[in-house]
C-alpha atoms as a PDB file:
ATOM      1  CA  MET A   1       0.023   0.044   0.025  1.00  0.00           C
ATOM      2  CA  LEU A   2       2.738   2.468   0.882  1.00  0.00           C
ATOM      3  CA  GLN A   3       4.639   1.727  -2.330  1.00  0.00           C
ATOM      4  CA  ALA A   4       1.402   2.435  -4.315  1.00  0.00           C
ATOM      5  CA  VAL A   5       1.002   5.846  -2.534  1.00  0.00           C
ATOM      6  CA  LYS A   6       4.682   6.730  -3.211  1.00  0.00           C
ATOM      7  CA  THR A   7       4.266   5.840  -6.912  1.00  0.00           C
ATOM      8  CA  THR A   8       1.056   7.958  -7.113  1.00  0.00           C
ATOM      9  CA  ILE A   9       2.860  10.921  -5.524  1.00  0.00           C
ATOM     10  CA  GLN A  10       5.893  10.657  -7.781  1.00  0.00           C
ATOM     11  CA  ASP A  11       3.809  10.689 -11.020  1.00  0.00           C
ATOM     12  CA  SER A  12       1.624  13.572  -9.730  1.00  0.00           C
ATOM     13  CA  TYR A  13       1.683  17.325  -9.258  1.00  0.00           C
ATOM     14  CA  THR A  14       0.622  19.707  -6.429  1.00  0.00           C
ATOM     15  CA  PRO A  15      -2.126  22.199  -7.099  1.00  0.00           C
ATOM     16  CA  ALA A  16       0.576  24.867  -7.246  1.00  0.00           C
ATOM     17  CA  GLU A  17       2.474  23.055  -9.910  1.00  0.00           C
ATOM     18  CA  VAL A  18      -0.788  22.465 -11.960  1.00  0.00           C
ATOM     19  CA  ALA A  19      -1.638  26.216 -11.586  1.00  0.00           C
ATOM     20  CA  ARG A  20       1.774  27.145 -13.145  1.00  0.00           C
ATOM     21  CA  MET A  21       1.307  24.486 -15.904  1.00  0.00           C
ATOM     22  CA  LEU A  22      -2.140  25.802 -16.829  1.00  0.00           C
ATOM     23  CA  GLY A  23      -1.390  29.469 -16.262  1.00  0.00           C
ATOM     24  CA  VAL A  24      -3.949  29.985 -13.593  1.00  0.00           C
ATOM     25  CA  LYS A  25      -3.772  30.875  -9.876  1.00  0.00           C
ATOM     26  CA  THR A  26      -3.365  28.205  -7.239  1.00  0.00           C
ATOM     27  CA  SER A  27      -6.656  29.316  -5.714  1.00  0.00           C
ATOM     28  CA  THR A  28      -8.360  28.518  -9.113  1.00  0.00           C
ATOM     29  CA  VAL A  29      -7.031  24.850  -8.977  1.00  0.00           C
ATOM     30  CA  HIS A  30      -8.181  24.657  -5.343  1.00  0.00           C
ATOM     31  CA  ALA A  31     -11.661  25.898  -6.372  1.00  0.00           C
ATOM     32  CA  TRP A  32     -11.841  23.246  -9.165  1.00  0.00           C
ATOM     33  CA  LEU A  33     -10.930  20.669  -6.571  1.00  0.00           C
ATOM     34  CA  SER A  34     -13.408  21.822  -3.989  1.00  0.00           C
ATOM     35  CA  ARG A  35     -16.213  21.857  -6.632  1.00  0.00           C
ATOM     36  CA  LYS A  36     -15.132  18.419  -7.767  1.00  0.00           C
ATOM     37  CA  GLU A  37     -14.465  19.590 -11.348  1.00  0.00           C
ATOM     38  CA  MET A  38     -10.884  18.400 -11.047  1.00  0.00           C
ATOM     39  CA  ARG A  39     -10.079  15.149  -9.203  1.00  0.00           C
ATOM     40  CA  ALA A  40      -7.005  14.609  -7.006  1.00  0.00           C
ATOM     41  CA  VAL A  41      -5.584  12.042  -4.675  1.00  0.00           C
ATOM     42  CA  LYS A  42      -5.516  13.271  -0.971  1.00  0.00           C
ATOM     43  CA  VAL A  43      -2.605  12.154   1.168  1.00  0.00           C
ATOM     44  CA  GLY A  44      -2.790  13.447   4.717  1.00  0.00           C
ATOM     45  CA  HIS A  45      -3.492  17.169   4.225  1.00  0.00           C
ATOM     46  CA  ARG A  46      -2.043  17.454   0.784  1.00  0.00           C
ATOM     47  CA  ARG A  47      -3.553  16.772  -2.663  1.00  0.00           C
ATOM     48  CA  PHE A  48      -1.816  15.385  -5.662  1.00  0.00           C
ATOM     49  CA  ILE A  49      -3.106  15.600  -9.231  1.00  0.00           C
ATOM     50  CA  SER A  50      -1.994  13.153 -11.903  1.00  0.00           C
ATOM     51  CA  GLN A  51      -1.461  13.810 -15.539  1.00  0.00           C
ATOM     52  CA  GLN A  52      -4.526  11.572 -16.284  1.00  0.00           C
ATOM     53  CA  GLN A  53      -6.685  13.567 -13.982  1.00  0.00           C
ATOM     54  CA  ILE A  54      -5.629  16.836 -15.731  1.00  0.00           C
ATOM     55  CA  LYS A  55      -6.495  15.114 -18.999  1.00  0.00           C
ATOM     56  CA  GLU A  56     -10.026  14.096 -17.830  1.00  0.00           C
ATOM     57  CA  PHE A  57     -10.554  17.576 -16.424  1.00  0.00           C
ATOM     58  CA  TYR A  58      -9.885  19.128 -19.933  1.00  0.00           C
ATOM     59  CA  GLU A  59     -12.040  16.467 -21.688  1.00  0.00           C
ATOM     60  CA  ARG A  60     -15.002  17.306 -19.281  1.00  0.00           C
ATOM     61  CA  ARG A  61     -14.562  21.026 -20.040  1.00  0.00           C
ATOM     62  CA  GLN A  62     -14.658  20.441 -23.712  1.00  0.00           C
ATOM     63  CA  THR A  63     -17.798  18.384 -23.625  1.00  0.00           C
ATOM     64  CA  GLY A  64     -19.617  20.828 -21.462  1.00  0.00           C
ATOM     65  CA  GLU A  65     -20.216  18.117 -18.885  1.00  0.00           C
ATOM     66  CA  PHE A  66     -19.980  20.664 -16.040  1.00  0.00           C
ATOM     67  CA  VAL A  67     -21.006  24.256 -15.672  1.00  0.00           C
ATOM     68  CA  ASP A  68     -18.687  26.786 -13.986  1.00  0.00           C
ATOM     69  CA  HIS A  69     -20.915  28.406 -11.465  1.00  0.00           C
ATOM     70  CA  THR A  70     -18.170  30.741 -10.101  1.00  0.00           C
ATOM     71  CA  TYR A  71     -19.843  33.903 -11.370  1.00  0.00           C
ATOM     72  CA  ALA A  72     -23.444  32.490 -11.971  1.00  0.00           C
ATOM     73  CA  ASN A  73     -24.953  34.955  -9.506  1.00  0.00           C
ATOM     74  CA  GLY A  74     -23.125  38.008 -10.892  1.00  0.00           C
ATOM     75  CA  PRO A  75     -20.803  40.215  -8.795  1.00  0.00           C
ATOM     76  CA  VAL A  76     -21.032  40.459  -5.062  1.00  0.00           C
ATOM     77  CA  ARG A  77     -22.967  43.550  -3.981  1.00  0.00           C
ATOM     78  CA  ARG A  78     -22.552  45.266  -0.543  1.00  0.00           C
END
């Protein structure tokens, strides 16, 4: 089991690394993860995202399988 976790971590990226790869903020990647738009493996308090999970994320975005509700309600008014 421990060997499987080590292999998964070695072949994966942190949210910060994925953000740099995709040209977005780390908070955007965390938002995708919390909304379950992007999948990740959680080890302790850390998350790791594999190349396959990034690929699946892009495939779902292209098919329109999910709707980004980030700004669905418009700007925040005070």
